[in-house]
Amino acid sequence: MSDPVQHIRRYHAELQQIRRDLHAHPELGYEENRTSGIVAEKLASWGVEVHRGLARTGVVGVVPGRRTASGRAIGLRADMDCLPMHETGDVPHRSRHDGKMHGCGHDGHTTMLLGAARYLAETRAFDGTAYLIFQPAEEGGAGGKAMVDEGLFERFPANEIYALHNWPPLPAGKMAVGAGPMMAATDEIQLVIRGKGGHAALPHLAVDPVVVAAQVIGALQTIASRNVSPVDSLVVSLCSMQTSQLGAFNVIPDFVKLIGTVRSFRPETRDLAESRIKAIVSGVAQALGAAAELEYKRGYPATINSDREAEFAARVGERVFGKDNVIRNPEPTMGGEDFSFMLQARPGAYVWLGQGGGPSSCFLHNPGYDFNDAVIPLGAGYLAALVEQSLPLAK
């Protein structure tokens, strides 16, 4: 049996150089022109068939195996975009663009899939077709949904789909995967409470929207504690509060704007949360003499691994990482992922790759974050192993 990890270690230095170049030149969602150009150029240089244009900057590489008699295909996905944040680290490959940073490791994800692509193109030790999906705009732009909506699986009919995301809390050399939810649905609340402004010393002549907002904030927390089963999971967080008056200590404002997020795993819980938020906001505001305008925006659905593919991903991981280094059924996180749209279209699994212990010891979306290059061969080798073991060559 081939060893993809050891094979890929032979060009680890080149992959590290690619990763650090991508890190130094981050691009936001749907603006990944340089990144997608590098991806397409590298794939073509290794003899991979390249397709561009899905979701504007998306790239798909097609690698047929030594045989294709099985008629089956597998998809591997990596995200390419960066975050709109400033980098504070002092690494030599620090972002060259203020306000843009690879703070979530998508530079590493892209590089690992490139490493898998090179290996698969060189060996082709499988029976079927591998589709290498380089996706734009994961960070809020729903690039995964755009690719699916534009015919990703009609043009590249994968039977199953997998994605790998680095996970700093896990030590390097470990991975985690489980059936069911891995990441939460991510919804957004925008709420304006309108009262009647006035003098702070004469509150009885005004309708204070700040007091109403305080009541609303407290009441919304009863949804998780009193409306949802204690064994279910729901987060309702109000994260931003702005009034129509700034800096005046003696003025009751006309309105208060609140922005927040709702996270859940089960569709039924998501529906319940939306319904209760609307009822509470309207009811509290009306009871206190104010008016409320609520916009509830549904974002990414929950990222839910299918049973068979999660078990398969774990078994492949045991061969690559060792049985003791595969964490099955990890506790899911309330973060979100637009790989969820691909999992709604095809069975598959979303896998966490340990990268803890590298130069950057912080979590994702931290301004000091940097991907741990030491895990590139492990991640790339694992992706390649998914292909070989899903589409085995007959002996």
Protein backbone atom coordinates (compact mmCIF):
# COMPACT_ATOMS: atom_id res chain seq x y z
CA MET A 1 0.00 0.00 0.00
CA SER A 2 1.29 3.46 -0.85
CA ASP A 3 2.07 6.00 1.85
CA PRO A 4 0.80 9.39 0.70
CA VAL A 5 2.20 11.25 3.72
CA GLN A 6 5.77 10.08 3.14
CA HIS A 7 5.47 10.69 -0.59
CA ILE A 8 4.26 14.26 -0.01
CA ARG A 9 7.03 14.94 2.52
CA ARG A 10 9.43 14.93 -0.43
CA TYR A 11 8.01 18.25 -1.59
CA HIS A 12 7.00 19.62 1.81
CA ALA A 13 9.40 22.57 1.42
CA GLU A 14 7.76 23.61 -1.84
CA LEU A 15 4.30 23.35 -0.34
CA GLN A 16 5.39 25.40 2.66
CA GLN A 17 6.64 28.09 0.30
CA ILE A 18 3.27 28.13 -1.47
CA ARG A 19 1.40 28.35 1.83
CA ARG A 20 3.48 31.27 3.07
CA ASP A 21 3.11 33.09 -0.24
CA LEU A 22 -0.67 32.73 -0.01
CA HIS A 23 -0.54 33.96 3.58
CA ALA A 24 1.39 37.05 2.56
CA HIS A 25 -1.12 37.88 -0.18
CA PRO A 26 -4.58 37.25 1.33
CA GLU A 27 -7.73 37.91 -0.68
CA LEU A 28 -11.32 38.35 0.48
CA GLY A 29 -14.27 36.32 -0.74
CA TYR A 30 -14.92 36.41 -4.48
CA GLU A 31 -11.69 38.42 -4.90
CA GLU A 32 -9.34 35.41 -4.86
CA ASN A 33 -7.98 36.14 -8.33
CA ARG A 34 -4.30 35.78 -7.48
CA THR A 35 -4.94 32.75 -5.29
CA SER A 36 -7.07 30.95 -7.86
CA GLY A 37 -4.48 31.78 -10.51
CA ILE A 38 -1.75 30.11 -8.47
CA VAL A 39 -3.99 27.10 -7.83
CA ALA A 40 -4.81 26.73 -11.53
CA GLU A 41 -1.18 27.15 -12.59
CA LYS A 42 0.07 24.55 -10.11
CA LEU A 43 -2.63 22.04 -11.03
CA ALA A 44 -1.93 22.43 -14.74
CA SER A 45 1.81 22.03 -14.21
CA TRP A 46 1.14 18.65 -12.57
CA GLY A 47 -1.05 17.47 -15.43
CA VAL A 48 -4.38 18.08 -13.72
CA GLU A 49 -7.38 19.09 -15.84
CA VAL A 50 -8.43 22.57 -14.65
CA HIS A 51 -11.86 24.21 -14.70
CA ARG A 52 -12.39 27.82 -13.61
CA GLY A 53 -15.33 30.17 -13.20
CA LEU A 54 -17.73 28.50 -10.77
CA ALA A 55 -18.67 31.07 -8.12
CA ARG A 56 -16.51 33.58 -10.02
CA THR A 57 -13.11 32.62 -8.59
CA GLY A 58 -13.63 28.91 -7.89
CA VAL A 59 -11.34 26.27 -9.35
CA VAL A 60 -11.99 22.56 -9.84
CA GLY A 61 -9.26 20.09 -10.72
CA VAL A 62 -10.15 16.73 -12.24
CA VAL A 63 -7.86 13.74 -11.72
CA PRO A 64 -8.93 10.40 -13.24
CA GLY A 65 -7.41 7.35 -11.65
CA ARG A 66 -5.34 4.65 -13.30
CA ARG A 67 -8.72 3.09 -14.00
CA THR A 68 -12.21 4.60 -14.05
CA ALA A 69 -14.21 1.40 -14.45
CA SER A 70 -15.86 1.89 -11.05
CA GLY A 71 -17.73 4.89 -12.42
CA ARG A 72 -17.45 6.50 -8.99
CA ALA A 73 -16.03 9.86 -7.96
CA ILE A 74 -15.04 11.65 -4.76
CA GLY A 75 -14.84 15.37 -4.06
CA LEU A 76 -12.29 17.10 -1.83
CA ARG A 77 -12.90 20.74 -0.92
CA ALA A 78 -10.63 23.53 0.35
CA ASP A 79 -11.57 27.17 0.98
CA MET A 80 -9.35 29.99 -0.33
CA ASP A 81 -10.52 33.32 1.13
CA CYS A 82 -9.13 35.37 4.00
CA LEU A 83 -10.73 37.41 6.79
CA PRO A 84 -11.19 41.21 6.88
CA MET A 85 -8.88 41.69 9.88
CA HIS A 86 -5.43 43.12 10.66
CA GLU A 87 -2.57 40.73 11.33
CA THR A 88 -0.47 41.46 14.41
CA GLY A 89 2.05 38.61 14.18
CA ASP A 90 5.64 39.29 13.18
CA VAL A 91 6.24 36.27 10.92
CA PRO A 92 8.28 36.98 7.76
CA HIS A 93 5.29 36.04 5.62
CA ARG A 94 2.95 38.45 7.40
CA SER A 95 0.09 39.84 5.33
CA ARG A 96 1.16 42.51 2.85
CA HIS A 97 -2.39 43.93 2.78
CA ASP A 98 -3.73 45.92 5.73
CA GLY A 99 -7.14 44.75 6.84
CA LYS A 100 -6.79 41.35 5.20
CA MET A 101 -5.43 38.24 6.90
CA HIS A 102 -5.49 34.48 6.64
CA GLY A 103 -6.68 34.19 10.22
CA CYS A 104 -8.54 30.91 9.73
CA GLY A 105 -5.97 28.80 7.90
CA HIS A 106 -7.54 28.75 4.46
CA ASP A 107 -4.04 29.29 3.05
CA GLY A 108 -3.12 25.98 4.68
CA HIS A 109 -6.27 24.24 3.46
CA THR A 110 -5.59 25.33 -0.12
CA THR A 111 -1.98 24.20 0.14
CA MET A 112 -2.87 20.79 1.56
CA LEU A 113 -5.33 20.14 -1.26
CA LEU A 114 -2.65 21.19 -3.74
CA GLY A 115 -0.30 18.69 -2.11
CA ALA A 116 -2.93 15.97 -2.42
CA ALA A 117 -3.52 16.96 -6.05
CA ARG A 118 0.14 16.60 -6.95
CA TYR A 119 0.34 13.20 -5.29
CA LEU A 120 -2.83 11.93 -6.95
CA ALA A 121 -1.68 13.18 -10.35
CA GLU A 122 1.69 11.46 -9.94
CA THR A 123 0.40 8.12 -8.67
CA ARG A 124 -3.23 7.77 -9.85
CA ALA A 125 -3.50 4.65 -7.68
CA PHE A 126 -7.28 4.55 -7.63
CA ASP A 127 -10.25 3.46 -9.75
CA GLY A 128 -12.52 6.41 -10.42
CA THR A 129 -12.25 10.20 -10.48
CA ALA A 130 -11.12 12.74 -7.91
CA TYR A 131 -12.59 16.25 -8.03
CA LEU A 132 -10.45 18.84 -6.26
CA ILE A 133 -12.69 21.76 -5.32
CA PHE A 134 -11.05 25.09 -4.44
CA GLN A 135 -13.89 27.22 -3.10
CA PRO A 136 -14.10 31.00 -2.67
CA ALA A 137 -15.89 33.08 -0.06
CA GLU A 138 -16.37 30.75 2.90
CA GLU A 139 -16.11 33.62 5.39
CA GLY A 140 -19.65 34.90 5.14
CA GLY A 141 -19.95 34.93 1.36
CA ALA A 142 -21.55 31.49 1.00
CA GLY A 143 -19.18 30.46 -1.77
CA GLY A 144 -20.05 26.83 -1.13
CA LYS A 145 -23.71 27.53 -1.82
CA ALA A 146 -22.79 29.52 -4.94
CA MET A 147 -20.78 26.62 -6.34
CA VAL A 148 -23.60 24.16 -5.67
CA ASP A 149 -26.22 26.52 -7.14
CA GLU A 150 -24.09 27.01 -10.26
CA GLY A 151 -23.98 23.29 -10.97
CA LEU A 152 -20.93 21.98 -9.12
CA PHE A 153 -22.23 18.45 -8.73
CA GLU A 154 -23.91 18.36 -12.13
CA ARG A 155 -20.61 19.18 -13.82
CA PHE A 156 -18.46 17.21 -11.39
CA PRO A 157 -20.71 14.41 -10.10
CA ALA A 158 -18.97 13.34 -6.92
CA ASN A 159 -20.67 10.54 -5.01
CA GLU A 160 -19.29 11.82 -1.71
CA ILE A 161 -17.52 14.97 -0.49
CA TYR A 162 -14.95 15.70 2.24
CA ALA A 163 -13.32 18.77 3.73
CA LEU A 164 -10.48 19.26 6.19
CA HIS A 165 -10.23 22.23 8.58
CA ASN A 166 -7.30 22.90 10.86
CA TRP A 167 -8.15 22.88 14.57
CA PRO A 168 -5.63 24.53 16.94
CA PRO A 169 -7.01 22.97 20.16
CA LEU A 170 -6.01 19.53 18.84
CA PRO A 171 -2.31 18.61 18.93
CA ALA A 172 -0.56 18.14 15.60
CA GLY A 173 -0.81 14.53 14.51
CA LYS A 174 -4.40 14.09 15.66
CA MET A 175 -7.74 14.48 13.90
CA ALA A 176 -11.39 14.46 14.90
CA VAL A 177 -14.57 13.49 13.08
CA GLY A 178 -18.03 12.30 14.00
CA ALA A 179 -21.44 11.58 12.55
CA GLY A 180 -24.07 14.27 12.86
CA PRO A 181 -23.48 17.95 13.63
CA MET A 182 -19.92 19.29 13.61
CA MET A 183 -20.67 23.01 13.21
CA ALA A 184 -23.77 25.10 13.91
CA ALA A 185 -26.26 26.99 11.81
CA THR A 186 -25.33 30.69 11.84
CA ASP A 187 -28.15 33.23 11.83
CA GLU A 188 -28.04 37.00 12.32
CA ILE A 189 -30.36 39.36 14.20
CA GLN A 190 -30.65 43.07 13.44
CA LEU A 191 -33.06 44.83 15.76
CA VAL A 192 -34.08 48.49 16.08
CA ILE A 193 -36.09 49.55 19.14
CA ARG A 194 -37.74 52.93 18.67
CA GLY A 195 -38.86 54.98 21.65
CA LYS A 196 -39.24 58.71 22.28
CA GLY A 197 -36.16 60.74 23.05
CA GLY A 198 -36.03 63.31 25.80
CA HIS A 199 -34.21 64.74 28.79
CA ALA A 200 -32.60 62.12 30.99
CA ALA A 201 -33.83 63.99 34.09
CA LEU A 202 -37.44 63.69 32.90
CA PRO A 203 -37.81 60.06 31.82
CA HIS A 204 -41.57 60.07 32.35
CA LEU A 205 -41.87 62.38 29.34
CA ALA A 206 -39.93 59.97 27.12
CA VAL A 207 -40.02 56.33 26.11
CA ASP A 208 -36.53 55.10 26.89
CA PRO A 209 -35.38 52.56 24.24
CA VAL A 210 -32.29 51.73 26.31
CA VAL A 211 -34.46 50.32 29.11
CA VAL A 212 -36.53 48.43 26.54
CA ALA A 213 -33.34 47.04 24.95
CA ALA A 214 -32.13 45.87 28.36
CA GLN A 215 -35.39 44.01 28.92
CA VAL A 216 -35.24 42.48 25.45
CA ILE A 217 -31.65 41.30 25.94
CA GLY A 218 -32.55 39.58 29.19
CA ALA A 219 -35.77 38.09 27.85
CA LEU A 220 -34.06 36.59 24.81
CA GLN A 221 -31.86 34.50 27.09
CA THR A 222 -34.95 32.66 28.33
CA ILE A 223 -35.28 30.97 24.94
CA ALA A 224 -32.28 28.73 25.58
CA SER A 225 -32.99 28.29 29.30
CA ARG A 226 -36.79 27.87 29.21
CA ASN A 227 -37.93 27.00 25.67
CA VAL A 228 -35.26 24.57 24.46
CA SER A 229 -34.59 21.13 25.90
CA PRO A 230 -31.63 21.13 28.32
CA VAL A 231 -29.97 18.42 26.21
CA ASP A 232 -30.27 20.49 23.03
CA SER A 233 -27.97 23.38 22.12
CA LEU A 234 -28.80 27.00 21.33
CA VAL A 235 -26.90 30.27 21.58
CA VAL A 236 -28.54 33.70 21.34
CA SER A 237 -25.90 36.42 21.64
CA LEU A 238 -26.48 40.16 21.31
CA CYS A 239 -23.05 41.44 20.40
CA SER A 240 -23.48 45.09 19.44
CA MET A 241 -25.55 47.95 20.88
CA GLN A 242 -25.74 51.44 19.41
CA THR A 243 -27.97 54.38 20.32
CA SER A 244 -29.00 57.43 18.32
CA GLN A 245 -27.08 59.59 20.81
CA LEU A 246 -23.37 59.19 21.43
CA GLY A 247 -21.48 60.90 24.22
CA ALA A 248 -24.35 62.81 25.82
CA PHE A 249 -24.83 61.89 29.49
CA ASN A 250 -28.22 63.56 29.84
CA VAL A 251 -30.11 62.62 26.66
CA ILE A 252 -32.50 59.70 26.26
CA PRO A 253 -32.05 58.51 22.66
CA ASP A 254 -34.77 57.98 20.10
CA PHE A 255 -33.70 54.46 19.22
CA VAL A 256 -31.33 51.61 20.02
CA LYS A 257 -29.90 49.22 17.43
CA LEU A 258 -28.90 45.70 18.46
CA ILE A 259 -27.00 43.17 16.36
CA GLY A 260 -26.45 39.57 17.33
CA THR A 261 -26.25 35.95 16.29
CA VAL A 262 -28.23 32.77 16.82
CA ARG A 263 -26.51 29.36 16.69
CA SER A 264 -28.19 25.96 16.64
CA PHE A 265 -27.80 22.42 15.34
CA ARG A 266 -31.34 21.07 14.84
CA PRO A 267 -33.70 22.59 12.23
CA GLU A 268 -36.55 22.40 14.75
CA THR A 269 -34.54 24.39 17.29
CA ARG A 270 -33.62 26.94 14.64
CA ASP A 271 -37.31 27.43 13.77
CA LEU A 272 -38.26 27.70 17.44
CA ALA A 273 -35.55 30.29 18.12
CA GLU A 274 -36.66 32.49 15.25
CA SER A 275 -40.31 32.29 16.29
CA ARG A 276 -39.61 33.06 19.96
CA ILE A 277 -37.24 35.94 19.15
CA LYS A 278 -39.91 37.61 17.02
CA ALA A 279 -42.56 37.14 19.72
CA ILE A 280 -40.35 38.36 22.59
CA VAL A 281 -39.04 41.42 20.76
CA SER A 282 -42.49 42.51 19.67
CA GLY A 283 -44.15 41.75 23.00
CA VAL A 284 -41.59 43.43 25.25
CA ALA A 285 -41.38 46.53 23.09
CA GLN A 286 -45.16 46.88 22.94
CA ALA A 287 -45.56 46.33 26.69
CA LEU A 288 -43.12 49.17 27.41
CA GLY A 289 -44.59 51.59 24.91
CA ALA A 290 -41.92 51.26 22.23
CA ALA A 291 -41.86 49.86 18.70
CA ALA A 292 -39.50 47.24 17.34
CA GLU A 293 -38.22 46.40 13.87
CA LEU A 294 -36.59 42.98 13.61
CA GLU A 295 -34.69 41.50 10.69
CA TYR A 296 -33.82 37.82 11.14
CA LYS A 297 -31.34 36.62 8.52
CA ARG A 298 -30.75 32.91 8.11
CA GLY A 299 -27.12 32.17 7.33
CA TYR A 300 -25.31 28.87 6.87
CA PRO A 301 -27.16 25.70 7.87
CA ALA A 302 -25.59 23.32 10.36
CA THR A 303 -22.67 21.25 9.08
CA ILE A 304 -23.92 17.69 9.46
CA ASN A 305 -21.77 14.68 8.60
CA SER A 306 -23.51 11.61 7.17
CA ASP A 307 -23.07 8.42 9.18
CA ARG A 308 -21.33 6.22 6.62
CA GLU A 309 -18.92 8.87 5.41
CA ALA A 310 -18.01 9.98 8.95
CA GLU A 311 -17.18 6.40 9.86
CA PHE A 312 -15.16 6.01 6.65
CA ALA A 313 -13.27 9.26 7.34
CA ALA A 314 -12.41 8.00 10.83
CA ARG A 315 -11.18 4.63 9.54
CA VAL A 316 -8.97 6.31 6.95
CA GLY A 317 -7.67 8.54 9.71
CA GLU A 318 -6.74 5.55 11.82
CA ARG A 319 -4.56 4.28 8.97
CA VAL A 320 -2.89 7.65 8.42
CA PHE A 321 -2.63 9.03 11.96
CA GLY A 322 -2.88 5.86 14.05
CA LYS A 323 -5.92 4.62 15.93
CA ASP A 324 -5.06 6.45 19.16
CA ASN A 325 -4.81 9.75 17.30
CA VAL A 326 -8.34 9.77 15.87
CA ILE A 327 -11.00 11.35 18.07
CA ARG A 328 -14.42 9.99 17.19
CA ASN A 329 -17.59 11.94 17.85
CA PRO A 330 -15.96 15.14 19.16
CA GLU A 331 -18.10 17.76 20.82
CA PRO A 332 -19.44 19.99 18.03
CA THR A 333 -18.76 23.71 18.00
CA MET A 334 -21.10 26.66 17.57
CA GLY A 335 -18.93 28.06 14.78
CA GLY A 336 -20.33 27.88 11.25
CA GLU A 337 -19.21 26.55 7.86
CA ASP A 338 -20.61 26.84 4.35
CA PHE A 339 -19.36 23.35 3.54
CA SER A 340 -22.78 22.61 5.02
CA PHE A 341 -24.36 23.44 1.64
CA MET A 342 -22.24 20.80 -0.07
CA LEU A 343 -23.19 18.27 2.61
CA GLN A 344 -26.85 19.00 1.91
CA ALA A 345 -26.22 18.07 -1.73
CA ARG A 346 -23.96 15.04 -1.21
CA PRO A 347 -23.10 12.68 1.67
CA GLY A 348 -19.75 13.41 3.21
CA ALA A 349 -17.78 14.48 6.23
CA TYR A 350 -16.11 17.56 7.67
CA VAL A 351 -12.91 16.70 9.53
CA TRP A 352 -10.81 18.65 12.06
CA LEU A 353 -7.04 18.40 11.65
CA GLY A 354 -4.96 19.01 14.77
CA GLN A 355 -2.32 21.69 14.39
CA GLY A 356 -1.64 22.67 18.01
CA GLY A 357 1.91 23.10 19.17
CA GLY A 358 3.01 25.19 16.20
CA PRO A 359 4.55 28.67 16.32
CA SER A 360 1.10 30.21 16.75
CA SER A 361 -0.62 29.00 19.91
CA CYS A 362 -3.85 30.97 19.49
CA PHE A 363 -7.23 29.96 18.13
CA LEU A 364 -8.74 30.75 14.74
CA HIS A 365 -9.73 34.36 13.89
CA ASN A 366 -7.06 35.69 16.25
CA PRO A 367 -4.86 38.49 14.79
CA GLY A 368 -1.75 36.57 15.86
CA TYR A 369 -2.79 33.27 14.25
CA ASP A 370 -0.64 31.43 11.72
CA PHE A 371 -1.11 28.01 10.15
CA ASN A 372 1.25 25.28 11.39
CA ASP A 373 3.23 24.23 8.30
CA ALA A 374 4.39 21.03 10.00
CA VAL A 375 0.98 19.43 9.41
CA ILE A 376 0.88 20.05 5.64
CA PRO A 377 2.05 16.53 4.67
CA LEU A 378 -0.34 14.95 7.20
CA GLY A 379 -3.37 16.84 5.91
CA ALA A 380 -2.45 16.43 2.26
CA GLY A 381 -1.68 12.75 2.75
CA TYR A 382 -4.96 12.20 4.53
CA LEU A 383 -6.93 13.83 1.70
CA ALA A 384 -5.12 11.65 -0.81
CA ALA A 385 -5.78 8.55 1.29
CA LEU A 386 -9.51 9.32 1.27
CA VAL A 387 -9.41 9.06 -2.51
CA GLU A 388 -7.34 5.87 -2.66
CA GLN A 389 -9.42 4.07 -0.04
CA SER A 390 -12.76 5.26 -1.36
CA LEU A 391 -11.85 4.27 -4.92
CA PRO A 392 -9.54 1.27 -4.50
CA LEU A 393 -7.82 -0.35 -7.43
CA ALA A 394 -8.74 -4.01 -7.89
CA LYS A 395 -5.85 -6.29 -7.04
